[in-house]
Amino acid sequence: MNGPSRSHSYNAVLRLAGVRQLLVSTTLGRTANQMTSLVFILLALRTYHSPVLAGGVVLVQLVAVPVGPFAGALVDRLGSSVMIAVDFLLACLVTTAIAGLYWANLLPVGLFLALVLVGTMTWPFSGAGVKALLPHLVPSALWDRANAVDSVTSVVAMIAGPAVAGTLFGLVGPLAALLTIAALYLVSGLLVLGLPGPKRTKVEPILGQALGGLRYFLANRSLRGLAIAMVPSNASLGILMVAVPVLVLRSLQAGPQMVGFVWAVVGCSSLFSALLMGRLGTKGRERKVLSLSMAGPVPLLLATALFPSVAMTFALAAVLGACLGPGDVALFSLRQRSVDPAWYGRAIAVSMTLNSSGGALGGGIGGVLAQASPEIAIAVAAAVATAGAILALLIPHSRPAGPAGPNLAPDPAVGAGCPA
């Protein structure tokens, strides 16, 4: 690398040891996640004919919230790559079980929800694992670029996952879609094993580590404020996860393929905006970027609720994606800059699971509202997103606490020599 611009380029990120392997694994795993979300919702709508069940499929993700602190402790104790693999491989087993039971016509509603719940419990392992591992592979000067690239893997998954899932579900059937998901989880879980992580010395009991991560989160003003803003923002997206498929299938009388293509447009639009924001950087502007990303789709949400049509739905998807990309980059960067590297696993796991609880709650609310009217559900999503945008501007500023965190004992699980 011959100069500052080259040393801070996207290519510089991709040339770092382990980064490409992590990105390929997470791209496949996230694609499987996107396919899973849509296929389960389509199963609820087409097989069980219940928007409320579709919302329940999203709502059960709340089970991950109490798992978060323990997931972070396990990430710091056993290593990020191990816990990422555990999540993906368990998801493979659960998806295969659902596929087999569906094929045998032995999948009642209760068992379906129970299996979805089991598969959801471990998602903080991969979520926290990726977010904790990436800063250890990438120097802090490249975090915005790395976060943009990481966001792109989510976007690629958002493009490919729904499009493939909707097409397979509509043309071949749920079984083919479920088996494809299981294969993706298997490959992604095996691929990530062996990636290097932070050095560790001795460890304390896992309950103490989990509680330490929770205390660190509660003592960090920025992380607390971020959760307060992200819960309503993610609740808005959770409502849309259920309301948009119901709108497309019921009100617009289209098929599963169109549902997949709508979410693929969200991903395409988000791809370009995330790359642009990664190049521009977010340092010092994270709160404004977050607020604008939450408020940006509100006019189109209201327009879609009032004048639902195929064209309006795709316009909403394009605007929603254009706002999600910069919001993701700002979110990841703000969280990393607010946390000492020694606490990435636990603090980020708690932060991620609490933030995502809004999406689970939104899915449950969206299912109930969409049962009556998907248009009403979309209007409610607009109001909730507006609340999140206001709260994002109020996120407090704070410097990352040292390895001990404010008023905490030193962290014995991680050595001081963190590369990030």
Protein backbone atom coordinates (compact mmCIF):
# COMPACT_ATOMS: atom_id res chain seq x y z
CA MET A 1 0.00 0.00 0.00
CA ASN A 2 1.62 3.16 -1.21
CA GLY A 3 -0.29 6.02 0.40
CA PRO A 4 -2.91 7.06 2.89
CA SER A 5 -5.83 6.68 0.49
CA ARG A 6 -4.77 3.17 -0.46
CA SER A 7 -4.02 2.20 3.15
CA HIS A 8 -7.54 3.27 4.13
CA SER A 9 -9.32 1.70 1.15
CA TYR A 10 -11.83 -1.13 1.07
CA ASN A 11 -9.14 -3.27 -0.53
CA ALA A 12 -6.95 -2.69 2.54
CA VAL A 13 -9.72 -4.14 4.72
CA LEU A 14 -10.17 -7.19 2.50
CA ARG A 15 -6.42 -7.92 2.49
CA LEU A 16 -6.27 -8.27 6.27
CA ALA A 17 -5.83 -11.82 7.58
CA GLY A 18 -9.11 -13.62 8.25
CA VAL A 19 -11.39 -10.83 7.01
CA ARG A 20 -12.39 -12.44 3.72
CA GLN A 21 -13.07 -15.80 5.36
CA LEU A 22 -15.24 -14.12 7.99
CA LEU A 23 -17.13 -12.12 5.37
CA VAL A 24 -17.85 -15.16 3.19
CA SER A 25 -19.08 -17.14 6.20
CA THR A 26 -21.27 -14.34 7.49
CA THR A 27 -22.64 -13.60 4.02
CA LEU A 28 -23.80 -17.20 3.66
CA GLY A 29 -25.11 -17.32 7.23
CA ARG A 30 -26.95 -14.02 6.90
CA THR A 31 -28.42 -15.11 3.56
CA ALA A 32 -29.74 -18.19 5.33
CA ASN A 33 -31.12 -15.94 8.11
CA GLN A 34 -32.94 -13.75 5.57
CA MET A 35 -34.34 -16.80 3.81
CA THR A 36 -35.42 -18.29 7.13
CA SER A 37 -37.33 -15.18 8.20
CA LEU A 38 -39.27 -14.98 4.93
CA VAL A 39 -39.90 -18.71 4.55
CA PHE A 40 -41.23 -19.00 8.11
CA ILE A 41 -43.51 -15.99 7.59
CA LEU A 42 -44.73 -17.39 4.25
CA LEU A 43 -45.34 -20.77 5.91
CA ALA A 44 -47.48 -19.07 8.53
CA LEU A 45 -49.42 -17.13 5.90
CA ARG A 46 -49.79 -19.79 3.19
CA THR A 47 -49.82 -23.07 5.14
CA TYR A 48 -51.46 -21.98 8.41
CA HIS A 49 -53.28 -18.92 6.96
CA SER A 50 -52.49 -16.76 9.98
CA PRO A 51 -50.90 -13.29 10.06
CA VAL A 52 -50.93 -13.58 13.86
CA LEU A 53 -48.77 -16.72 13.63
CA ALA A 54 -46.48 -14.88 11.22
CA GLY A 55 -46.07 -12.23 13.89
CA GLY A 56 -45.51 -14.94 16.48
CA VAL A 57 -42.64 -16.34 14.41
CA VAL A 58 -40.93 -12.95 14.79
CA LEU A 59 -42.05 -12.42 18.40
CA VAL A 60 -40.36 -15.58 19.68
CA GLN A 61 -37.02 -13.88 18.94
CA LEU A 62 -37.48 -12.21 22.33
CA VAL A 63 -36.09 -15.41 23.82
CA ALA A 64 -32.66 -14.22 22.65
CA VAL A 65 -32.70 -11.20 25.01
CA PRO A 66 -31.82 -13.08 28.24
CA VAL A 67 -29.35 -15.20 26.26
CA GLY A 68 -27.42 -12.08 25.19
CA PRO A 69 -25.22 -11.56 28.29
CA PHE A 70 -24.32 -15.26 28.38
CA ALA A 71 -23.65 -15.28 24.64
CA GLY A 72 -21.21 -12.43 25.09
CA ALA A 73 -19.48 -14.22 27.95
CA LEU A 74 -19.17 -17.39 25.86
CA VAL A 75 -17.82 -15.38 22.92
CA ASP A 76 -15.11 -13.91 25.16
CA ARG A 77 -14.42 -17.27 26.81
CA LEU A 78 -14.53 -19.77 23.92
CA GLY A 79 -13.81 -17.47 21.00
CA SER A 80 -15.90 -15.65 18.44
CA SER A 81 -15.41 -18.15 15.62
CA VAL A 82 -16.50 -21.09 17.80
CA MET A 83 -19.71 -19.40 18.89
CA ILE A 84 -20.53 -18.23 15.36
CA ALA A 85 -20.16 -21.83 14.19
CA VAL A 86 -22.32 -23.14 17.05
CA ASP A 87 -25.16 -20.82 16.05
CA PHE A 88 -25.01 -21.62 12.35
CA LEU A 89 -24.71 -25.39 12.86
CA LEU A 90 -27.59 -25.49 15.36
CA ALA A 91 -29.69 -23.47 12.89
CA CYS A 92 -28.84 -26.09 10.26
CA LEU A 93 -30.12 -28.89 12.52
CA VAL A 94 -33.32 -27.03 13.43
CA THR A 95 -34.10 -26.12 9.82
CA THR A 96 -33.49 -29.71 8.72
CA ALA A 97 -35.86 -30.92 11.45
CA ILE A 98 -38.57 -28.49 10.33
CA ALA A 99 -38.11 -29.60 6.71
CA GLY A 100 -38.39 -33.27 7.66
CA LEU A 101 -41.48 -32.78 9.80
CA TYR A 102 -43.12 -30.63 7.11
CA TRP A 103 -42.42 -33.30 4.49
CA ALA A 104 -43.95 -35.96 6.77
CA ASN A 105 -46.97 -33.72 7.48
CA LEU A 106 -46.09 -33.81 11.21
CA LEU A 107 -45.63 -30.09 11.89
CA PRO A 108 -48.47 -28.68 14.00
CA VAL A 109 -48.42 -25.01 14.94
CA GLY A 110 -47.12 -25.57 18.47
CA LEU A 111 -44.19 -27.72 17.35
CA PHE A 112 -43.39 -25.28 14.54
CA LEU A 113 -43.17 -22.37 16.98
CA ALA A 114 -41.15 -24.44 19.47
CA LEU A 115 -38.54 -25.30 16.83
CA VAL A 116 -38.38 -21.70 15.66
CA LEU A 117 -37.78 -20.68 19.29
CA VAL A 118 -34.93 -23.20 19.69
CA GLY A 119 -33.28 -21.99 16.50
CA THR A 120 -33.61 -18.38 17.60
CA MET A 121 -32.06 -18.81 21.04
CA THR A 122 -28.48 -18.93 19.79
CA TRP A 123 -28.52 -16.11 17.24
CA PRO A 124 -26.70 -13.77 19.71
CA PHE A 125 -23.73 -16.16 19.41
CA SER A 126 -23.15 -15.26 15.77
CA GLY A 127 -24.42 -11.70 16.09
CA ALA A 128 -22.08 -10.84 18.95
CA GLY A 129 -19.34 -13.07 17.57
CA VAL A 130 -19.09 -11.22 14.27
CA LYS A 131 -19.28 -7.77 15.86
CA ALA A 132 -16.65 -8.71 18.46
CA LEU A 133 -14.32 -10.44 16.00
CA LEU A 134 -14.28 -7.80 13.27
CA PRO A 135 -12.64 -5.03 15.39
CA HIS A 136 -9.93 -7.50 16.41
CA LEU A 137 -9.14 -8.27 12.77
CA VAL A 138 -9.28 -4.63 11.62
CA PRO A 139 -7.40 -1.59 13.03
CA SER A 140 -9.57 1.25 14.36
CA ALA A 141 -8.62 3.57 11.48
CA LEU A 142 -10.48 1.21 9.13
CA TRP A 143 -13.56 0.60 11.26
CA ASP A 144 -15.93 2.71 9.13
CA ARG A 145 -14.74 0.90 6.00
CA ALA A 146 -14.92 -2.49 7.71
CA ASN A 147 -18.39 -1.74 9.06
CA ALA A 148 -19.50 -0.70 5.59
CA VAL A 149 -18.16 -3.96 4.15
CA ASP A 150 -19.83 -5.89 6.97
CA SER A 151 -23.04 -4.00 6.27
CA VAL A 152 -22.67 -4.97 2.60
CA THR A 153 -22.68 -8.66 3.58
CA SER A 154 -25.99 -8.02 5.33
CA VAL A 155 -27.22 -6.20 2.26
CA VAL A 156 -26.12 -8.96 -0.11
CA ALA A 157 -27.99 -11.38 2.13
CA MET A 158 -31.00 -9.06 2.09
CA ILE A 159 -30.92 -9.03 -1.71
CA ALA A 160 -30.26 -12.70 -2.36
CA GLY A 161 -32.06 -14.27 0.60
CA PRO A 162 -35.62 -13.00 0.05
CA ALA A 163 -35.39 -13.28 -3.75
CA VAL A 164 -34.21 -16.90 -3.59
CA ALA A 165 -36.57 -17.79 -0.74
CA GLY A 166 -39.63 -16.26 -2.42
CA THR A 167 -38.82 -17.86 -5.76
CA LEU A 168 -38.17 -21.31 -4.30
CA PHE A 169 -41.24 -21.11 -2.06
CA GLY A 170 -43.49 -19.98 -4.93
CA LEU A 171 -42.17 -22.22 -7.72
CA VAL A 172 -40.87 -25.35 -5.98
CA GLY A 173 -42.37 -25.26 -2.50
CA PRO A 174 -41.39 -24.80 1.16
CA LEU A 175 -39.37 -28.03 1.37
CA ALA A 176 -36.82 -26.96 -1.25
CA ALA A 177 -36.47 -23.56 0.42
CA LEU A 178 -35.92 -25.13 3.86
CA LEU A 179 -33.29 -27.59 2.59
CA THR A 180 -31.43 -24.79 0.80
CA ILE A 181 -31.35 -22.81 4.05
CA ALA A 182 -29.97 -25.80 5.95
CA ALA A 183 -27.17 -26.26 3.39
CA LEU A 184 -26.17 -22.59 3.64
CA TYR A 185 -26.03 -22.77 7.43
CA LEU A 186 -23.85 -25.88 7.27
CA VAL A 187 -21.29 -24.34 4.92
CA SER A 188 -21.14 -21.04 6.81
CA GLY A 189 -20.68 -22.78 10.16
CA LEU A 190 -17.80 -24.93 8.94
CA LEU A 191 -16.12 -22.08 7.09
CA VAL A 192 -15.75 -19.75 10.09
CA LEU A 193 -14.04 -22.25 12.39
CA GLY A 194 -10.41 -21.50 13.19
CA LEU A 195 -10.39 -17.73 12.74
CA PRO A 196 -8.12 -15.98 15.28
CA GLY A 197 -9.56 -13.92 18.12
CA PRO A 198 -8.33 -11.89 21.11
CA LYS A 199 -5.85 -13.40 23.53
CA ARG A 200 -7.23 -14.67 26.84
CA THR A 201 -5.64 -15.38 30.17
CA LYS A 202 -7.67 -16.80 33.06
CA VAL A 203 -11.46 -16.91 33.21
CA GLU A 204 -14.06 -16.34 35.89
CA PRO A 205 -17.40 -18.17 36.32
CA ILE A 206 -19.64 -17.60 33.32
CA LEU A 207 -22.42 -16.07 35.43
CA GLY A 208 -19.97 -13.47 36.71
CA GLN A 209 -18.83 -12.72 33.17
CA ALA A 210 -22.42 -12.37 31.96
CA LEU A 211 -23.33 -10.05 34.82
CA GLY A 212 -20.15 -8.07 34.19
CA GLY A 213 -21.21 -7.50 30.59
CA LEU A 214 -24.66 -6.40 31.73
CA ARG A 215 -23.19 -3.99 34.28
CA TYR A 216 -20.83 -2.59 31.65
CA PHE A 217 -23.79 -1.97 29.34
CA LEU A 218 -25.83 -0.27 32.07
CA ALA A 219 -22.89 1.95 33.01
CA ASN A 220 -22.28 3.04 29.40
CA ARG A 221 -24.42 6.09 28.60
CA SER A 222 -24.03 5.77 24.84
CA LEU A 223 -25.06 2.11 24.76
CA ARG A 224 -28.09 2.83 26.94
CA GLY A 225 -29.16 5.72 24.73
CA LEU A 226 -28.59 3.66 21.62
CA ALA A 227 -30.89 0.93 22.93
CA ILE A 228 -33.61 3.47 23.75
CA ALA A 229 -33.50 4.75 20.17
CA MET A 230 -33.05 1.43 18.39
CA VAL A 231 -35.91 -0.43 20.07
CA PRO A 232 -38.61 1.70 18.38
CA SER A 233 -36.63 1.83 15.14
CA ASN A 234 -36.36 -1.95 15.02
CA ALA A 235 -39.99 -2.27 16.11
CA SER A 236 -40.94 -0.35 12.97
CA LEU A 237 -38.96 -2.81 10.85
CA GLY A 238 -40.49 -5.74 12.74
CA ILE A 239 -43.97 -4.50 11.91
CA LEU A 240 -43.01 -4.22 8.24
CA MET A 241 -41.58 -7.75 8.20
CA VAL A 242 -45.11 -9.05 8.70
CA ALA A 243 -47.25 -6.25 7.26
CA VAL A 244 -45.52 -6.09 3.86
CA PRO A 245 -46.00 -9.81 3.04
CA VAL A 246 -49.64 -9.60 4.15
CA LEU A 247 -50.12 -6.47 2.02
CA VAL A 248 -48.56 -8.14 -1.03
CA LEU A 249 -50.33 -11.48 -0.67
CA ARG A 250 -53.73 -10.28 0.54
CA SER A 251 -54.32 -6.69 -0.56
CA LEU A 252 -52.32 -6.69 -3.80
CA GLN A 253 -53.11 -10.33 -4.65
CA ALA A 254 -49.52 -11.12 -5.66
CA GLY A 255 -47.40 -14.19 -4.94
CA PRO A 256 -44.47 -15.12 -2.69
CA GLN A 257 -42.03 -14.18 -5.46
CA MET A 258 -43.08 -10.55 -5.26
CA VAL A 259 -42.60 -10.55 -1.49
CA GLY A 260 -39.03 -11.71 -2.06
CA PHE A 261 -38.39 -9.14 -4.76
CA VAL A 262 -39.67 -6.29 -2.56
CA TRP A 263 -37.14 -7.14 0.13
CA ALA A 264 -34.46 -7.66 -2.52
CA VAL A 265 -35.02 -4.05 -3.65
CA VAL A 266 -34.50 -2.96 -0.05
CA GLY A 267 -31.18 -4.77 -0.09
CA CYS A 268 -30.05 -3.38 -3.46
CA SER A 269 -30.77 0.17 -2.40
CA SER A 270 -29.05 -0.35 0.95
CA LEU A 271 -25.92 -1.74 -0.73
CA PHE A 272 -25.00 1.50 -2.48
CA SER A 273 -25.92 3.77 0.41
CA ALA A 274 -23.85 1.69 2.88
CA LEU A 275 -20.77 1.80 0.65
CA LEU A 276 -21.15 5.54 0.19
CA MET A 277 -21.49 6.15 3.91
CA GLY A 278 -18.49 3.94 4.63
CA ARG A 279 -16.42 6.08 2.27
CA LEU A 280 -17.69 9.36 3.76
CA GLY A 281 -17.30 8.19 7.36
CA THR A 282 -19.62 8.74 10.33
CA LYS A 283 -17.28 9.82 13.12
CA GLY A 284 -18.89 12.67 15.06
CA ARG A 285 -22.09 12.42 12.97
CA GLU A 286 -23.42 9.03 14.02
CA ARG A 287 -26.50 10.36 15.81
CA LYS A 288 -27.61 12.58 12.94
CA VAL A 289 -27.09 9.77 10.44
CA LEU A 290 -29.07 7.37 12.61
CA SER A 291 -31.91 9.86 13.03
CA LEU A 292 -32.15 10.62 9.33
CA SER A 293 -32.04 6.92 8.44
CA MET A 294 -35.01 6.28 10.74
CA ALA A 295 -37.06 9.31 9.62
CA GLY A 296 -36.33 9.00 5.90
CA PRO A 297 -38.86 6.25 5.05
CA VAL A 298 -41.72 7.80 7.04
CA PRO A 299 -43.32 9.77 4.14
CA LEU A 300 -43.32 6.67 1.90
CA LEU A 301 -44.69 4.54 4.74
CA LEU A 302 -47.64 6.87 5.10
CA ALA A 303 -48.15 7.05 1.34
CA THR A 304 -48.15 3.24 1.10
CA ALA A 305 -50.64 2.96 3.93
CA LEU A 306 -52.98 5.46 2.24
CA PHE A 307 -52.48 4.43 -1.41
CA PRO A 308 -51.32 0.81 -1.49
CA SER A 309 -50.16 -0.43 -4.88
CA VAL A 310 -47.38 -2.47 -6.40
CA ALA A 311 -45.53 0.67 -7.56
CA MET A 312 -45.85 2.34 -4.14
CA THR A 313 -44.61 -0.79 -2.38
CA PHE A 314 -41.48 -0.94 -4.52
CA ALA A 315 -40.89 2.80 -4.07
CA LEU A 316 -41.09 2.28 -0.30
CA ALA A 317 -38.61 -0.59 -0.56
CA ALA A 318 -36.10 1.58 -2.45
CA VAL A 319 -36.30 4.45 0.05
CA LEU A 320 -36.22 2.12 3.05
CA GLY A 321 -33.06 0.46 1.77
CA ALA A 322 -31.37 3.77 0.98
CA CYS A 323 -31.89 4.77 4.61
CA LEU A 324 -30.97 1.45 6.20
CA GLY A 325 -27.44 1.34 4.75
CA PRO A 326 -26.10 4.55 6.36
CA GLY A 327 -27.98 3.73 9.56
CA ASP A 328 -26.22 0.38 9.87
CA VAL A 329 -22.77 1.90 9.36
CA ALA A 330 -23.46 4.63 11.93
CA LEU A 331 -24.90 2.13 14.42
CA PHE A 332 -21.96 -0.26 14.24
CA SER A 333 -19.38 2.53 14.40
CA LEU A 334 -21.02 4.32 17.33
CA ARG A 335 -21.23 1.09 19.29
CA GLN A 336 -17.59 0.19 18.63
CA ARG A 337 -16.36 3.66 19.57
CA SER A 338 -18.33 3.49 22.83
CA VAL A 339 -16.93 0.15 24.04
CA ASP A 340 -13.47 -0.76 25.25
CA PRO A 341 -12.04 -3.60 23.09
CA ALA A 342 -11.72 -5.88 26.11
CA TRP A 343 -15.52 -5.82 26.50
CA TYR A 344 -16.61 -6.22 22.88
CA GLY A 345 -18.09 -9.70 23.26
CA ARG A 346 -20.25 -9.13 26.32
CA ALA A 347 -21.16 -5.47 25.90
CA ILE A 348 -22.02 -5.82 22.23
CA ALA A 349 -24.03 -9.00 22.84
CA VAL A 350 -26.16 -7.24 25.45
CA SER A 351 -26.52 -4.17 23.23
CA MET A 352 -27.47 -6.19 20.14
CA THR A 353 -30.04 -8.38 21.85
CA LEU A 354 -31.72 -5.47 23.63
CA ASN A 355 -31.80 -3.44 20.42
CA SER A 356 -33.23 -6.35 18.46
CA SER A 357 -35.99 -6.91 21.02
CA GLY A 358 -37.78 -4.06 19.30
CA GLY A 359 -37.92 -6.07 16.08
CA ALA A 360 -39.42 -9.06 17.88
CA LEU A 361 -42.01 -6.89 19.61
CA GLY A 362 -42.77 -5.14 16.34
CA GLY A 363 -43.30 -8.47 14.61
CA GLY A 364 -45.83 -9.53 17.25
CA ILE A 365 -47.64 -6.20 17.03
CA GLY A 366 -47.49 -6.29 13.24
CA GLY A 367 -49.10 -9.72 13.12
CA VAL A 368 -52.07 -8.58 15.20
CA LEU A 369 -52.47 -5.32 13.26
CA ALA A 370 -52.00 -6.94 9.85
CA GLN A 371 -54.70 -9.48 10.68
CA ALA A 372 -57.13 -6.55 10.68
CA SER A 373 -55.40 -4.34 8.08
CA PRO A 374 -51.83 -4.34 6.75
CA GLU A 375 -52.29 -0.68 5.81
CA ILE A 376 -52.94 0.24 9.45
CA ALA A 377 -49.88 -1.75 10.48
CA ILE A 378 -47.70 0.20 8.03
CA ALA A 379 -49.05 3.52 9.34
CA VAL A 380 -48.20 2.46 12.89
CA ALA A 381 -44.69 1.56 11.68
CA ALA A 382 -44.31 5.14 10.43
CA ALA A 383 -45.26 6.57 13.83
CA VAL A 384 -42.87 4.26 15.69
CA ALA A 385 -40.00 5.09 13.30
CA THR A 386 -40.56 8.79 13.95
CA ALA A 387 -40.20 8.22 17.68
CA GLY A 388 -36.93 6.36 17.11
CA ALA A 389 -35.58 9.21 14.96
CA ILE A 390 -36.21 11.75 17.72
CA LEU A 391 -34.61 9.53 20.37
CA ALA A 392 -31.53 8.94 18.19
CA LEU A 393 -30.66 12.64 18.40
CA LEU A 394 -30.65 12.37 22.20
CA ILE A 395 -28.11 9.54 22.49
CA PRO A 396 -25.54 10.75 25.08
CA HIS A 397 -21.88 11.18 24.22
CA SER A 398 -19.40 9.15 26.25
CA ARG A 399 -15.87 7.87 25.88
CA PRO A 400 -15.31 4.11 26.08
CA ALA A 401 -14.52 3.03 29.61
CA GLY A 402 -11.24 1.25 30.30
CA PRO A 403 -10.99 -2.53 30.54
CA ALA A 404 -12.70 -2.49 33.90
CA GLY A 405 -15.55 -0.26 32.82
CA PRO A 406 -16.99 2.34 35.16
CA ASN A 407 -16.96 1.04 38.72
CA LEU A 408 -16.26 -2.50 37.56
CA ALA A 409 -13.51 -4.93 38.47
CA PRO A 410 -10.88 -5.66 35.82
CA ASP A 411 -11.97 -8.14 33.18
CA PRO A 412 -9.96 -11.36 33.65
CA ALA A 413 -11.20 -13.08 30.51
CA VAL A 414 -9.35 -11.03 27.93
CA GLY A 415 -5.72 -10.02 27.75
CA ALA A 416 -4.72 -6.41 27.32
CA GLY A 417 -3.12 -6.91 23.94
CA CYS A 418 -6.18 -6.35 21.74
CA PRO A 419 -5.18 -5.30 18.23
CA ALA A 420 -8.13 -2.97 17.87
